[in-house]
Amino acid sequence: MLFNYGVLIVDCATSEDKKSIGNNIVLVPYKAIHVEKYHKWMQSEEIRELTASDLLTLEEEYENQQSWYEDSKKCTFIILDKEKIKKDKDGELLVESIVKDYLDSMAGDVNLFWNEYEEEGSAEVEVMIAEPSCRRRGFGSEAIEIMMHYAVTNLSDITTRFIVKIGESNTTSIQLFKKLGFQQVGQVNVFKEINMIFEPIDQIKSWKQPNQLKLLSWIE
């Protein structure tokens, strides 16, 4: 990674599971073990409204997870609160804790989608910090920057710009993406969404040098 978080890395193209560690968060692939808590998050009407999501059954959530995991055009990760992950005597994160203690540390999710109906090379970004105690702690911006840098350095053949679609009432997300350099394109659409874009993406490569990247294998 080229910025001071020094995190992420999942090889989406081959579905080879990896996890990465940053200053405040750990990103892990969205797996079946995460679905039940994710489903509980989505029972919140507020979260569904902010994320433009439908209310699904638990079975449908499992089906979605499997579909997303197998889709090479979707990168879906669970955001973990690093403070809640156990460490060894030297202060290093315990990999087994990331797997076993995920329920306590799950904070939200972050995603990249390459949709056929968008302009070629467009990667749509989504982020959700579902746990109230994890909000306003920089988790969302850190996760987004990690994902964007991963796409630029590892999926540059299909990524030329980033886009985001946000409900006009979701002022918190709008301000977040503005701070990250996204700019609004056009007016509010018929779905009451604001479209924002980040380009050129070459500037991401110059954020910092990749001297803090830490990559471990995901194990179950």
C-alpha atoms as a PDB file:
ATOM      1  CA  MET A   1       0.000   0.000   0.000  1.00  0.00           C
ATOM      2  CA  LEU A   2       1.187   3.494  -0.680  1.00  0.00           C
ATOM      3  CA  PHE A   3      -0.162   5.421   2.244  1.00  0.00           C
ATOM      4  CA  ASN A   4       0.447   5.490   5.952  1.00  0.00           C
ATOM      5  CA  TYR A   5      -2.153   2.851   6.796  1.00  0.00           C
ATOM      6  CA  GLY A   6      -0.089   0.177   5.060  1.00  0.00           C
ATOM      7  CA  VAL A   7      -3.002  -2.247   4.712  1.00  0.00           C
ATOM      8  CA  LEU A   8      -5.365  -4.423   2.608  1.00  0.00           C
ATOM      9  CA  ILE A   9      -4.710  -6.966   0.014  1.00  0.00           C
ATOM     10  CA  VAL A  10      -7.013  -9.587  -1.319  1.00  0.00           C
ATOM     11  CA  ASP A  11      -6.432 -11.068  -4.723  1.00  0.00           C
ATOM     12  CA  CYS A  12      -9.953 -10.597  -6.058  1.00  0.00           C
ATOM     13  CA  ALA A  13      -9.123 -11.883  -9.510  1.00  0.00           C
ATOM     14  CA  THR A  14      -8.148 -15.328  -8.230  1.00  0.00           C
ATOM     15  CA  SER A  15     -10.314 -15.401  -5.083  1.00  0.00           C
ATOM     16  CA  GLU A  16      -7.184 -16.211  -3.077  1.00  0.00           C
ATOM     17  CA  ASP A  17      -7.981 -15.138   0.466  1.00  0.00           C
ATOM     18  CA  LYS A  18      -5.685 -12.630   2.099  1.00  0.00           C
ATOM     19  CA  LYS A  19      -6.072 -10.141   4.884  1.00  0.00           C
ATOM     20  CA  SER A  20      -4.330  -6.874   5.592  1.00  0.00           C
ATOM     21  CA  ILE A  21      -3.705  -4.717   8.606  1.00  0.00           C
ATOM     22  CA  GLY A  22      -3.806  -0.932   8.967  1.00  0.00           C
ATOM     23  CA  ASN A  23      -3.507   1.708  11.664  1.00  0.00           C
ATOM     24  CA  ASN A  24      -7.081   1.346  12.895  1.00  0.00           C
ATOM     25  CA  ILE A  25      -8.669  -1.505  10.974  1.00  0.00           C
ATOM     26  CA  VAL A  26      -8.189  -4.958   9.525  1.00  0.00           C
ATOM     27  CA  LEU A  27      -9.940  -5.925   6.297  1.00  0.00           C
ATOM     28  CA  VAL A  28     -10.926  -9.527   5.705  1.00  0.00           C
ATOM     29  CA  PRO A  29     -12.940 -11.163   2.915  1.00  0.00           C
ATOM     30  CA  TYR A  30     -16.684 -11.277   3.543  1.00  0.00           C
ATOM     31  CA  LYS A  31     -17.241 -14.951   4.369  1.00  0.00           C
ATOM     32  CA  ALA A  32     -20.147 -17.071   5.534  1.00  0.00           C
ATOM     33  CA  ILE A  33     -19.045 -16.718   9.176  1.00  0.00           C
ATOM     34  CA  HIS A  34     -19.805 -12.991   8.987  1.00  0.00           C
ATOM     35  CA  VAL A  35     -23.309 -13.275   7.532  1.00  0.00           C
ATOM     36  CA  GLU A  36     -25.380 -13.561  10.715  1.00  0.00           C
ATOM     37  CA  LYS A  37     -23.999 -10.381  12.247  1.00  0.00           C
ATOM     38  CA  TYR A  38     -24.211  -8.598   8.895  1.00  0.00           C
ATOM     39  CA  HIS A  39     -27.846  -9.656   8.698  1.00  0.00           C
ATOM     40  CA  LYS A  40     -28.478  -8.196  12.167  1.00  0.00           C
ATOM     41  CA  TRP A  41     -26.981  -4.888  11.047  1.00  0.00           C
ATOM     42  CA  MET A  42     -29.344  -4.807   8.081  1.00  0.00           C
ATOM     43  CA  GLN A  43     -32.399  -5.096  10.325  1.00  0.00           C
ATOM     44  CA  SER A  44     -31.858  -1.395  11.054  1.00  0.00           C
ATOM     45  CA  GLU A  45     -34.182   0.737   8.958  1.00  0.00           C
ATOM     46  CA  GLU A  46     -31.724   3.621   9.227  1.00  0.00           C
ATOM     47  CA  ILE A  47     -28.851   1.565   7.807  1.00  0.00           C
ATOM     48  CA  ARG A  48     -31.002   0.206   4.984  1.00  0.00           C
ATOM     49  CA  GLU A  49     -32.106   3.720   4.074  1.00  0.00           C
ATOM     50  CA  LEU A  50     -28.565   5.114   4.133  1.00  0.00           C
ATOM     51  CA  THR A  51     -27.217   2.222   2.050  1.00  0.00           C
ATOM     52  CA  ALA A  52     -30.245   1.918  -0.255  1.00  0.00           C
ATOM     53  CA  SER A  53     -30.591  -1.742   0.739  1.00  0.00           C
ATOM     54  CA  ASP A  54     -33.567  -4.066   0.841  1.00  0.00           C
ATOM     55  CA  LEU A  55     -34.638  -6.092   3.868  1.00  0.00           C
ATOM     56  CA  LEU A  56     -33.554  -9.682   3.169  1.00  0.00           C
ATOM     57  CA  THR A  57     -34.045 -12.978   4.939  1.00  0.00           C
ATOM     58  CA  LEU A  58     -31.024 -14.672   6.495  1.00  0.00           C
ATOM     59  CA  GLU A  59     -31.089 -17.260   3.715  1.00  0.00           C
ATOM     60  CA  GLU A  60     -31.006 -14.510   1.095  1.00  0.00           C
ATOM     61  CA  GLU A  61     -28.046 -12.883   2.876  1.00  0.00           C
ATOM     62  CA  TYR A  62     -26.130 -16.166   2.686  1.00  0.00           C
ATOM     63  CA  GLU A  63     -26.940 -16.430  -1.021  1.00  0.00           C
ATOM     64  CA  ASN A  64     -25.724 -12.874  -1.615  1.00  0.00           C
ATOM     65  CA  GLN A  65     -22.505 -13.496   0.281  1.00  0.00           C
ATOM     66  CA  GLN A  66     -21.710 -16.568  -1.787  1.00  0.00           C
ATOM     67  CA  SER A  67     -22.559 -14.771  -5.016  1.00  0.00           C
ATOM     68  CA  TRP A  68     -20.385 -11.762  -4.188  1.00  0.00           C
ATOM     69  CA  TYR A  69     -17.498 -13.949  -3.058  1.00  0.00           C
ATOM     70  CA  GLU A  70     -17.465 -15.865  -6.327  1.00  0.00           C
ATOM     71  CA  ASP A  71     -17.863 -12.776  -8.556  1.00  0.00           C
ATOM     72  CA  SER A  72     -14.502 -11.568  -9.929  1.00  0.00           C
ATOM     73  CA  LYS A  73     -16.016  -8.102 -10.494  1.00  0.00           C
ATOM     74  CA  LYS A  74     -16.845  -7.608  -6.810  1.00  0.00           C
ATOM     75  CA  CYS A  75     -14.433  -7.038  -3.921  1.00  0.00           C
ATOM     76  CA  THR A  76     -16.314  -7.224  -0.624  1.00  0.00           C
ATOM     77  CA  PHE A  77     -14.599  -6.936   2.754  1.00  0.00           C
ATOM     78  CA  ILE A  78     -15.577  -6.814   6.386  1.00  0.00           C
ATOM     79  CA  ILE A  79     -13.983  -4.017   8.403  1.00  0.00           C
ATOM     80  CA  LEU A  80     -12.640  -5.119  11.792  1.00  0.00           C
ATOM     81  CA  ASP A  81     -11.804  -2.787  14.684  1.00  0.00           C
ATOM     82  CA  LYS A  82      -8.122  -3.499  15.331  1.00  0.00           C
ATOM     83  CA  GLU A  83      -8.365  -2.437  18.968  1.00  0.00           C
ATOM     84  CA  LYS A  84     -10.714  -5.359  19.657  1.00  0.00           C
ATOM     85  CA  ILE A  85      -8.410  -8.019  18.211  1.00  0.00           C
ATOM     86  CA  LYS A  86      -6.186  -9.890  20.661  1.00  0.00           C
ATOM     87  CA  LYS A  87      -2.426  -9.399  20.506  1.00  0.00           C
ATOM     88  CA  ASP A  88       0.571 -11.454  21.561  1.00  0.00           C
ATOM     89  CA  LYS A  89       3.134 -10.407  24.174  1.00  0.00           C
ATOM     90  CA  ASP A  90       4.992  -8.351  21.567  1.00  0.00           C
ATOM     91  CA  GLY A  91       1.875  -6.445  20.582  1.00  0.00           C
ATOM     92  CA  GLU A  92       1.419  -8.254  17.271  1.00  0.00           C
ATOM     93  CA  LEU A  93      -2.119  -9.148  16.194  1.00  0.00           C
ATOM     94  CA  LEU A  94      -2.987 -12.808  16.621  1.00  0.00           C
ATOM     95  CA  VAL A  95      -4.178 -14.194  13.290  1.00  0.00           C
ATOM     96  CA  GLU A  96      -6.368 -16.798  14.994  1.00  0.00           C
ATOM     97  CA  SER A  97      -8.088 -13.993  16.921  1.00  0.00           C
ATOM     98  CA  ILE A  98      -9.070 -12.316  13.671  1.00  0.00           C
ATOM     99  CA  VAL A  99     -10.913 -15.498  12.704  1.00  0.00           C
ATOM    100  CA  LYS A 100     -12.319 -16.518  16.089  1.00  0.00           C
ATOM    101  CA  ASP A 101     -13.149 -13.125  17.606  1.00  0.00           C
ATOM    102  CA  TYR A 102     -14.698 -11.571  14.515  1.00  0.00           C
ATOM    103  CA  LEU A 103     -18.099 -10.988  16.146  1.00  0.00           C
ATOM    104  CA  ASP A 104     -16.651  -8.571  18.680  1.00  0.00           C
ATOM    105  CA  SER A 105     -14.445  -6.744  16.196  1.00  0.00           C
ATOM    106  CA  MET A 106     -16.774  -6.414  13.166  1.00  0.00           C
ATOM    107  CA  ALA A 107     -17.401  -2.735  12.427  1.00  0.00           C
ATOM    108  CA  GLY A 108     -18.853  -2.573   8.909  1.00  0.00           C
ATOM    109  CA  ASP A 109     -18.016  -3.362   5.299  1.00  0.00           C
ATOM    110  CA  VAL A 110     -16.369  -1.819   2.249  1.00  0.00           C
ATOM    111  CA  ASN A 111     -16.813  -2.819  -1.383  1.00  0.00           C
ATOM    112  CA  LEU A 112     -15.693  -2.224  -4.948  1.00  0.00           C
ATOM    113  CA  PHE A 113     -17.921  -3.183  -7.882  1.00  0.00           C
ATOM    114  CA  TRP A 114     -17.211  -3.092 -11.606  1.00  0.00           C
ATOM    115  CA  ASN A 115     -20.666  -2.923 -13.189  1.00  0.00           C
ATOM    116  CA  GLU A 116     -21.268  -3.618 -16.867  1.00  0.00           C
ATOM    117  CA  TYR A 117     -23.763  -0.764 -17.178  1.00  0.00           C
ATOM    118  CA  GLU A 118     -21.224   1.858 -16.058  1.00  0.00           C
ATOM    119  CA  GLU A 119     -18.538   3.416 -18.211  1.00  0.00           C
ATOM    120  CA  GLU A 120     -15.721   0.941 -18.801  1.00  0.00           C
ATOM    121  CA  GLY A 121     -13.091   1.128 -16.077  1.00  0.00           C
ATOM    122  CA  SER A 122     -15.460   2.535 -13.452  1.00  0.00           C
ATOM    123  CA  ALA A 123     -15.112   1.023  -9.980  1.00  0.00           C
ATOM    124  CA  GLU A 124     -18.058   1.841  -7.718  1.00  0.00           C
ATOM    125  CA  VAL A 125     -17.148   2.324  -4.063  1.00  0.00           C
ATOM    126  CA  GLU A 126     -19.405   1.554  -1.091  1.00  0.00           C
ATOM    127  CA  VAL A 127     -18.678   1.741   2.632  1.00  0.00           C
ATOM    128  CA  MET A 128     -20.763   1.175   5.765  1.00  0.00           C
ATOM    129  CA  ILE A 129     -19.743   1.584   9.391  1.00  0.00           C
ATOM    130  CA  ALA A 130     -22.605  -0.242  11.080  1.00  0.00           C
ATOM    131  CA  GLU A 131     -21.411  -0.341  14.685  1.00  0.00           C
ATOM    132  CA  PRO A 132     -22.214   3.000  16.395  1.00  0.00           C
ATOM    133  CA  SER A 133     -19.100   2.737  18.625  1.00  0.00           C
ATOM    134  CA  CYS A 134     -16.913   2.552  15.502  1.00  0.00           C
ATOM    135  CA  ARG A 135     -18.226   5.686  13.815  1.00  0.00           C
ATOM    136  CA  ARG A 136     -16.315   8.982  13.656  1.00  0.00           C
ATOM    137  CA  ARG A 137     -13.024   7.151  14.191  1.00  0.00           C
ATOM    138  CA  GLY A 138     -11.707   7.307  10.625  1.00  0.00           C
ATOM    139  CA  PHE A 139     -12.564   3.696   9.791  1.00  0.00           C
ATOM    140  CA  GLY A 140     -14.568   4.592   6.683  1.00  0.00           C
ATOM    141  CA  SER A 141     -11.941   6.812   5.070  1.00  0.00           C
ATOM    142  CA  GLU A 142      -9.152   4.360   5.876  1.00  0.00           C
ATOM    143  CA  ALA A 143     -11.057   1.457   4.342  1.00  0.00           C
ATOM    144  CA  ILE A 144     -11.910   3.439   1.195  1.00  0.00           C
ATOM    145  CA  GLU A 145      -8.327   4.573   0.631  1.00  0.00           C
ATOM    146  CA  ILE A 146      -7.062   1.032   1.081  1.00  0.00           C
ATOM    147  CA  MET A 147      -9.533  -0.305  -1.477  1.00  0.00           C
ATOM    148  CA  MET A 148      -8.819   2.461  -3.968  1.00  0.00           C
ATOM    149  CA  HIS A 149      -5.097   1.946  -3.765  1.00  0.00           C
ATOM    150  CA  TYR A 150      -5.473  -1.804  -4.097  1.00  0.00           C
ATOM    151  CA  ALA A 151      -7.523  -1.360  -7.266  1.00  0.00           C
ATOM    152  CA  VAL A 152      -5.033   1.077  -8.808  1.00  0.00           C
ATOM    153  CA  THR A 153      -1.972  -1.056  -8.072  1.00  0.00           C
ATOM    154  CA  ASN A 154      -3.429  -4.524  -8.632  1.00  0.00           C
ATOM    155  CA  LEU A 155      -6.471  -4.123 -10.905  1.00  0.00           C
ATOM    156  CA  SER A 156      -5.338  -1.248 -13.118  1.00  0.00           C
ATOM    157  CA  ASP A 157      -6.384  -3.121 -16.254  1.00  0.00           C
ATOM    158  CA  ILE A 158     -10.045  -2.699 -15.269  1.00  0.00           C
ATOM    159  CA  THR A 159      -9.869   0.472 -13.147  1.00  0.00           C
ATOM    160  CA  THR A 160      -9.583   3.970 -14.620  1.00  0.00           C
ATOM    161  CA  ARG A 161     -11.795   5.914 -12.216  1.00  0.00           C
ATOM    162  CA  PHE A 162     -13.868   5.567  -9.055  1.00  0.00           C
ATOM    163  CA  ILE A 163     -17.518   6.451  -8.681  1.00  0.00           C
ATOM    164  CA  VAL A 164     -19.911   6.586  -5.755  1.00  0.00           C
ATOM    165  CA  LYS A 165     -23.688   6.964  -5.513  1.00  0.00           C
ATOM    166  CA  ILE A 166     -25.029   8.440  -2.284  1.00  0.00           C
ATOM    167  CA  GLY A 167     -28.546   9.296  -1.163  1.00  0.00           C
ATOM    168  CA  GLU A 168     -28.932  13.076  -1.049  1.00  0.00           C
ATOM    169  CA  SER A 169     -29.901  12.918   2.645  1.00  0.00           C
ATOM    170  CA  ASN A 170     -26.722  11.052   3.620  1.00  0.00           C
ATOM    171  CA  THR A 171     -24.697  14.185   4.292  1.00  0.00           C
ATOM    172  CA  THR A 172     -22.091  12.336   6.386  1.00  0.00           C
ATOM    173  CA  SER A 173     -21.075  10.111   3.464  1.00  0.00           C
ATOM    174  CA  ILE A 174     -21.163  12.990   1.009  1.00  0.00           C
ATOM    175  CA  GLN A 175     -18.729  14.976   3.154  1.00  0.00           C
ATOM    176  CA  LEU A 176     -16.528  11.900   3.650  1.00  0.00           C
ATOM    177  CA  PHE A 177     -16.085  11.343  -0.080  1.00  0.00           C
ATOM    178  CA  LYS A 178     -15.530  15.051  -0.735  1.00  0.00           C
ATOM    179  CA  LYS A 179     -12.654  14.998   1.751  1.00  0.00           C
ATOM    180  CA  LEU A 180     -11.197  12.047  -0.135  1.00  0.00           C
ATOM    181  CA  GLY A 181     -11.184  14.033  -3.371  1.00  0.00           C
ATOM    182  CA  PHE A 182     -14.448  12.920  -5.014  1.00  0.00           C
ATOM    183  CA  GLN A 183     -16.379  15.559  -6.934  1.00  0.00           C
ATOM    184  CA  GLN A 184     -20.096  15.682  -7.621  1.00  0.00           C
ATOM    185  CA  VAL A 185     -21.190  15.098 -11.211  1.00  0.00           C
ATOM    186  CA  GLY A 186     -24.518  16.562 -12.330  1.00  0.00           C
ATOM    187  CA  GLN A 187     -27.559  17.087 -10.169  1.00  0.00           C
ATOM    188  CA  VAL A 188     -29.529  14.782  -7.890  1.00  0.00           C
ATOM    189  CA  ASN A 189     -30.957  11.969 -10.045  1.00  0.00           C
ATOM    190  CA  VAL A 190     -34.451  10.472 -10.103  1.00  0.00           C
ATOM    191  CA  PHE A 191     -33.424   8.025  -7.371  1.00  0.00           C
ATOM    192  CA  LYS A 192     -32.555  11.006  -5.141  1.00  0.00           C
ATOM    193  CA  GLU A 193     -28.878  10.061  -5.347  1.00  0.00           C
ATOM    194  CA  ILE A 194     -25.783  12.181  -5.815  1.00  0.00           C
ATOM    195  CA  ASN A 195     -23.156  10.815  -8.211  1.00  0.00           C
ATOM    196  CA  MET A 196     -19.517  11.550  -7.391  1.00  0.00           C
ATOM    197  CA  ILE A 197     -16.327  10.689  -9.251  1.00  0.00           C
ATOM    198  CA  PHE A 198     -12.611  10.435  -8.486  1.00  0.00           C
ATOM    199  CA  GLU A 199     -10.198  10.892 -11.383  1.00  0.00           C
ATOM    200  CA  PRO A 200      -7.470  10.921 -12.540  1.00  0.00           C
ATOM    201  CA  ILE A 201      -6.433   7.962 -10.442  1.00  0.00           C
ATOM    202  CA  ASP A 202      -2.697   8.368 -11.101  1.00  0.00           C
ATOM    203  CA  GLN A 203      -2.484  10.692  -8.109  1.00  0.00           C
ATOM    204  CA  ILE A 204      -3.214   7.698  -5.829  1.00  0.00           C
ATOM    205  CA  LYS A 205       0.090   6.101  -6.802  1.00  0.00           C
ATOM    206  CA  SER A 206       2.004   9.034  -5.362  1.00  0.00           C
ATOM    207  CA  TRP A 207       0.321   9.027  -1.942  1.00  0.00           C
ATOM    208  CA  LYS A 208       3.260   7.326  -0.172  1.00  0.00           C
ATOM    209  CA  GLN A 209       5.883   4.613  -0.544  1.00  0.00           C
ATOM    210  CA  PRO A 210       4.826   0.973   0.106  1.00  0.00           C
ATOM    211  CA  ASN A 211       7.020   0.452   3.147  1.00  0.00           C
ATOM    212  CA  GLN A 212       4.356  -0.422   5.698  1.00  0.00           C
ATOM    213  CA  LEU A 213       2.439  -3.149   3.936  1.00  0.00           C
ATOM    214  CA  LYS A 214       1.807  -6.172   6.109  1.00  0.00           C
ATOM    215  CA  LEU A 215       0.162  -9.174   4.464  1.00  0.00           C
ATOM    216  CA  LEU A 216      -0.872 -12.409   6.125  1.00  0.00           C
ATOM    217  CA  SER A 217      -2.718 -15.442   4.799  1.00  0.00           C
ATOM    218  CA  TRP A 218      -6.333 -15.917   5.814  1.00  0.00           C
ATOM    219  CA  ILE A 219      -6.842 -19.184   7.655  1.00  0.00           C
ATOM    220  CA  GLU A 220      -9.941 -20.896   8.968  1.00  0.00           C
END
